Amino acid sequence: MAAIIVLGCSQKAPAQVDKEDMGNMDEYSESQDAQFKQMCQSKGWQWMLMKPTMNGKMDSNAKDCWGCMVEGVEHICDNQKFMELMK
């Protein structure tokens, strides 16, 4: 008989996110954050908490931040950088 193991991932609800987890995102108002998240997801990309990347390489010295994982390569936490990418 074979056993099936199902693994899942959970995400903290917004009310449970620690201030430290917010990283760079605390610079933005909630509405700007919501717009950034919506733009990210409308492109089919993921909104997630992780360290930012540059040229596909993670900045191990940076704090985790909420941002957009663009094409599975770049994790962008800064709304302005994201907007520049969209031009």
N, C-alpha and C. Protein backbone atom coordinates (compact mmCIF):
# COMPACT_ATOMS: atom_id res chain seq x y z
N MET A 1 0.85 -1.18 0.00
CA MET A 1 0.00 0.00 0.00
C MET A 1 0.90 1.24 0.00
N ALA A 2 0.58 2.20 -0.83
CA ALA A 2 1.38 3.42 -0.94
C ALA A 2 0.74 4.53 -0.12
N ALA A 3 1.57 5.31 0.48
CA ALA A 3 1.08 6.47 1.25
C ALA A 3 1.27 7.72 0.41
N ILE A 4 0.30 8.57 0.47
CA ILE A 4 0.38 9.85 -0.25
C ILE A 4 0.55 10.96 0.78
N ILE A 5 1.56 11.75 0.58
CA ILE A 5 1.80 12.88 1.48
C ILE A 5 1.54 14.15 0.70
N VAL A 6 0.72 15.00 1.26
CA VAL A 6 0.39 16.27 0.62
C VAL A 6 1.02 17.39 1.42
N LEU A 7 1.81 18.18 0.76
CA LEU A 7 2.44 19.33 1.40
C LEU A 7 1.79 20.59 0.88
N GLY A 8 1.60 21.53 1.72
CA GLY A 8 1.02 22.80 1.31
C GLY A 8 1.80 23.93 1.93
N CYS A 9 1.50 25.11 1.49
CA CYS A 9 2.14 26.26 2.11
C CYS A 9 1.04 27.16 2.64
N SER A 10 1.35 27.80 3.69
CA SER A 10 0.38 28.72 4.28
C SER A 10 0.96 30.11 4.23
N GLN A 11 0.08 31.05 4.27
CA GLN A 11 0.51 32.44 4.24
C GLN A 11 -0.13 33.13 5.43
N LYS A 12 0.62 33.98 6.08
CA LYS A 12 0.06 34.73 7.19
C LYS A 12 -1.03 35.65 6.69
N ALA A 13 -2.09 35.73 7.44
CA ALA A 13 -3.13 36.70 7.11
C ALA A 13 -2.55 38.09 7.34
N PRO A 14 -3.00 39.12 6.60
CA PRO A 14 -2.42 40.45 6.76
C PRO A 14 -2.37 40.94 8.20
N ALA A 15 -3.37 40.61 9.00
CA ALA A 15 -3.38 41.07 10.39
C ALA A 15 -2.31 40.39 11.23
N GLN A 16 -1.79 39.25 10.75
CA GLN A 16 -0.79 38.50 11.51
C GLN A 16 0.64 38.80 11.09
N VAL A 17 0.83 39.60 10.06
CA VAL A 17 2.17 39.89 9.56
C VAL A 17 2.88 40.81 10.54
N ASP A 18 4.08 40.40 10.93
CA ASP A 18 4.87 41.21 11.84
C ASP A 18 5.36 42.46 11.13
N LYS A 19 5.55 43.54 11.89
CA LYS A 19 6.08 44.79 11.33
C LYS A 19 7.43 44.54 10.67
N GLU A 20 8.26 43.71 11.29
CA GLU A 20 9.57 43.41 10.72
C GLU A 20 9.44 42.70 9.37
N ASP A 21 8.42 41.85 9.21
CA ASP A 21 8.19 41.15 7.95
C ASP A 21 7.90 42.11 6.82
N MET A 22 7.39 43.27 7.13
CA MET A 22 6.97 44.20 6.09
C MET A 22 8.16 44.81 5.36
N GLY A 23 9.35 44.76 5.93
CA GLY A 23 10.55 45.25 5.27
C GLY A 23 10.36 46.61 4.64
N ASN A 24 10.68 46.70 3.37
CA ASN A 24 10.60 47.97 2.64
C ASN A 24 9.18 48.45 2.44
N MET A 25 8.22 47.59 2.59
CA MET A 25 6.85 47.95 2.25
C MET A 25 6.24 48.95 3.22
N ASP A 26 6.83 49.15 4.40
CA ASP A 26 6.24 50.11 5.34
C ASP A 26 6.40 51.55 4.87
N GLU A 27 7.14 51.77 3.78
CA GLU A 27 7.27 53.11 3.21
C GLU A 27 6.00 53.53 2.47
N TYR A 28 5.19 52.59 2.09
CA TYR A 28 4.03 52.86 1.26
C TYR A 28 2.74 52.83 2.07
N SER A 29 1.78 53.61 1.62
CA SER A 29 0.47 53.57 2.25
C SER A 29 -0.21 52.26 1.85
N GLU A 30 -1.26 51.92 2.58
CA GLU A 30 -1.97 50.69 2.27
C GLU A 30 -2.53 50.71 0.85
N SER A 31 -3.03 51.86 0.39
CA SER A 31 -3.61 51.92 -0.95
C SER A 31 -2.54 51.74 -2.02
N GLN A 32 -1.35 52.31 -1.82
CA GLN A 32 -0.26 52.12 -2.78
C GLN A 32 0.18 50.66 -2.79
N ASP A 33 0.25 50.05 -1.61
CA ASP A 33 0.62 48.65 -1.50
C ASP A 33 -0.42 47.79 -2.22
N ALA A 34 -1.69 48.09 -2.04
CA ALA A 34 -2.76 47.33 -2.68
C ALA A 34 -2.68 47.47 -4.20
N GLN A 35 -2.39 48.68 -4.69
CA GLN A 35 -2.25 48.90 -6.13
C GLN A 35 -1.07 48.12 -6.69
N PHE A 36 0.05 48.17 -6.00
CA PHE A 36 1.26 47.45 -6.40
C PHE A 36 0.95 45.96 -6.49
N LYS A 37 0.32 45.42 -5.45
CA LYS A 37 -0.03 44.01 -5.42
C LYS A 37 -0.98 43.67 -6.57
N GLN A 38 -1.97 44.50 -6.80
CA GLN A 38 -2.95 44.26 -7.87
C GLN A 38 -2.28 44.28 -9.25
N MET A 39 -1.38 45.24 -9.48
CA MET A 39 -0.67 45.30 -10.76
C MET A 39 0.18 44.05 -10.97
N CYS A 40 0.85 43.63 -9.92
CA CYS A 40 1.69 42.43 -9.97
C CYS A 40 0.84 41.22 -10.36
N GLN A 41 -0.24 41.02 -9.65
CA GLN A 41 -1.07 39.85 -9.88
C GLN A 41 -1.80 39.92 -11.22
N SER A 42 -2.12 41.13 -11.69
CA SER A 42 -2.81 41.26 -12.98
C SER A 42 -1.91 40.83 -14.14
N LYS A 43 -0.61 40.86 -13.93
CA LYS A 43 0.35 40.40 -14.94
C LYS A 43 0.56 38.88 -14.86
N GLY A 44 -0.06 38.25 -13.86
CA GLY A 44 0.09 36.81 -13.68
C GLY A 44 1.28 36.44 -12.82
N TRP A 45 1.87 37.44 -12.16
CA TRP A 45 3.03 37.19 -11.31
C TRP A 45 2.59 36.99 -9.86
N GLN A 46 3.50 36.55 -9.01
CA GLN A 46 3.17 36.25 -7.62
C GLN A 46 3.56 37.39 -6.69
N TRP A 47 2.71 37.65 -5.71
CA TRP A 47 2.97 38.59 -4.62
C TRP A 47 3.43 37.75 -3.46
N MET A 48 4.62 38.00 -2.96
CA MET A 48 5.16 37.13 -1.91
C MET A 48 6.13 37.87 -1.00
N LEU A 49 6.45 37.21 0.10
CA LEU A 49 7.41 37.72 1.08
C LEU A 49 8.72 36.98 0.89
N MET A 50 9.75 37.71 0.54
CA MET A 50 11.10 37.14 0.44
C MET A 50 12.11 38.27 0.30
N LYS A 51 13.36 37.93 0.19
CA LYS A 51 14.40 38.94 0.01
C LYS A 51 14.36 39.47 -1.42
N PRO A 52 14.68 40.76 -1.61
CA PRO A 52 14.71 41.30 -2.97
C PRO A 52 15.87 40.70 -3.77
N THR A 53 15.73 40.74 -5.08
CA THR A 53 16.80 40.25 -5.97
C THR A 53 17.21 41.35 -6.93
N MET A 54 18.40 41.19 -7.48
CA MET A 54 18.87 42.06 -8.55
C MET A 54 19.60 41.16 -9.54
N ASN A 55 19.21 41.26 -10.80
CA ASN A 55 19.79 40.41 -11.84
C ASN A 55 19.68 38.93 -11.49
N GLY A 56 18.54 38.57 -10.85
CA GLY A 56 18.28 37.19 -10.51
C GLY A 56 19.01 36.67 -9.29
N LYS A 57 19.78 37.53 -8.60
CA LYS A 57 20.54 37.09 -7.43
C LYS A 57 19.96 37.74 -6.18
N MET A 58 19.72 36.92 -5.16
CA MET A 58 19.15 37.40 -3.91
C MET A 58 20.17 38.21 -3.12
N ASP A 59 19.71 39.31 -2.56
CA ASP A 59 20.54 40.14 -1.68
C ASP A 59 20.42 39.57 -0.28
N SER A 60 21.37 38.76 0.12
CA SER A 60 21.29 38.05 1.41
C SER A 60 21.37 39.00 2.60
N ASN A 61 21.83 40.24 2.40
CA ASN A 61 21.92 41.21 3.50
C ASN A 61 20.62 42.00 3.67
N ALA A 62 19.74 41.93 2.72
CA ALA A 62 18.49 42.69 2.77
C ALA A 62 17.47 41.96 3.65
N LYS A 63 16.53 42.73 4.17
CA LYS A 63 15.43 42.16 4.94
C LYS A 63 14.39 41.60 3.97
N ASP A 64 13.64 40.61 4.44
CA ASP A 64 12.52 40.12 3.65
C ASP A 64 11.54 41.26 3.45
N CYS A 65 10.87 41.25 2.31
CA CYS A 65 9.91 42.31 2.00
C CYS A 65 8.80 41.73 1.13
N TRP A 66 7.62 42.33 1.23
CA TRP A 66 6.53 41.95 0.35
C TRP A 66 6.79 42.59 -1.00
N GLY A 67 6.65 41.81 -2.06
CA GLY A 67 6.86 42.35 -3.38
C GLY A 67 6.43 41.38 -4.46
N CYS A 68 6.75 41.74 -5.68
CA CYS A 68 6.31 41.01 -6.86
C CYS A 68 7.43 40.15 -7.41
N MET A 69 7.16 38.86 -7.58
CA MET A 69 8.10 37.95 -8.22
C MET A 69 7.82 37.99 -9.72
N VAL A 70 8.66 38.71 -10.44
CA VAL A 70 8.46 38.96 -11.87
C VAL A 70 9.11 37.84 -12.67
N GLU A 71 8.28 37.13 -13.42
CA GLU A 71 8.71 36.05 -14.30
C GLU A 71 9.60 35.03 -13.59
N GLY A 72 9.42 34.86 -12.28
CA GLY A 72 10.17 33.87 -11.53
C GLY A 72 11.64 34.17 -11.38
N VAL A 73 12.04 35.42 -11.72
CA VAL A 73 13.47 35.78 -11.70
C VAL A 73 13.76 36.90 -10.71
N GLU A 74 13.02 37.98 -10.81
CA GLU A 74 13.28 39.14 -9.96
C GLU A 74 12.19 39.33 -8.92
N HIS A 75 12.58 39.51 -7.67
CA HIS A 75 11.64 39.86 -6.61
C HIS A 75 11.80 41.34 -6.34
N ILE A 76 10.79 42.11 -6.71
CA ILE A 76 10.85 43.57 -6.62
C ILE A 76 9.95 44.04 -5.48
N CYS A 77 10.54 44.73 -4.52
CA CYS A 77 9.81 45.22 -3.35
C CYS A 77 9.42 46.69 -3.49
N ASP A 78 10.09 47.39 -4.34
CA ASP A 78 9.91 48.82 -4.48
C ASP A 78 8.93 49.12 -5.61
N ASN A 79 7.87 49.83 -5.29
CA ASN A 79 6.83 50.18 -6.25
C ASN A 79 7.40 50.96 -7.43
N GLN A 80 8.30 51.90 -7.18
CA GLN A 80 8.87 52.72 -8.26
C GLN A 80 9.71 51.85 -9.22
N LYS A 81 10.50 50.95 -8.67
CA LYS A 81 11.29 50.05 -9.53
C LYS A 81 10.37 49.19 -10.37
N PHE A 82 9.28 48.75 -9.78
CA PHE A 82 8.30 47.93 -10.50
C PHE A 82 7.71 48.74 -11.65
N MET A 83 7.33 50.00 -11.38
CA MET A 83 6.73 50.85 -12.40
C MET A 83 7.71 51.12 -13.55
N GLU A 84 8.99 51.29 -13.22
CA GLU A 84 10.01 51.49 -14.26
C GLU A 84 10.12 50.26 -15.14
N LEU A 85 10.01 49.09 -14.55
CA LEU A 85 10.08 47.84 -15.28
C LEU A 85 8.89 47.71 -16.24
N MET A 86 7.75 48.26 -15.86
CA MET A 86 6.55 48.13 -16.66
C MET A 86 6.53 49.09 -17.87
N LYS A 87 7.45 50.05 -17.92
CA LYS A 87 7.50 51.02 -19.04
C LYS A 87 7.94 50.37 -20.32
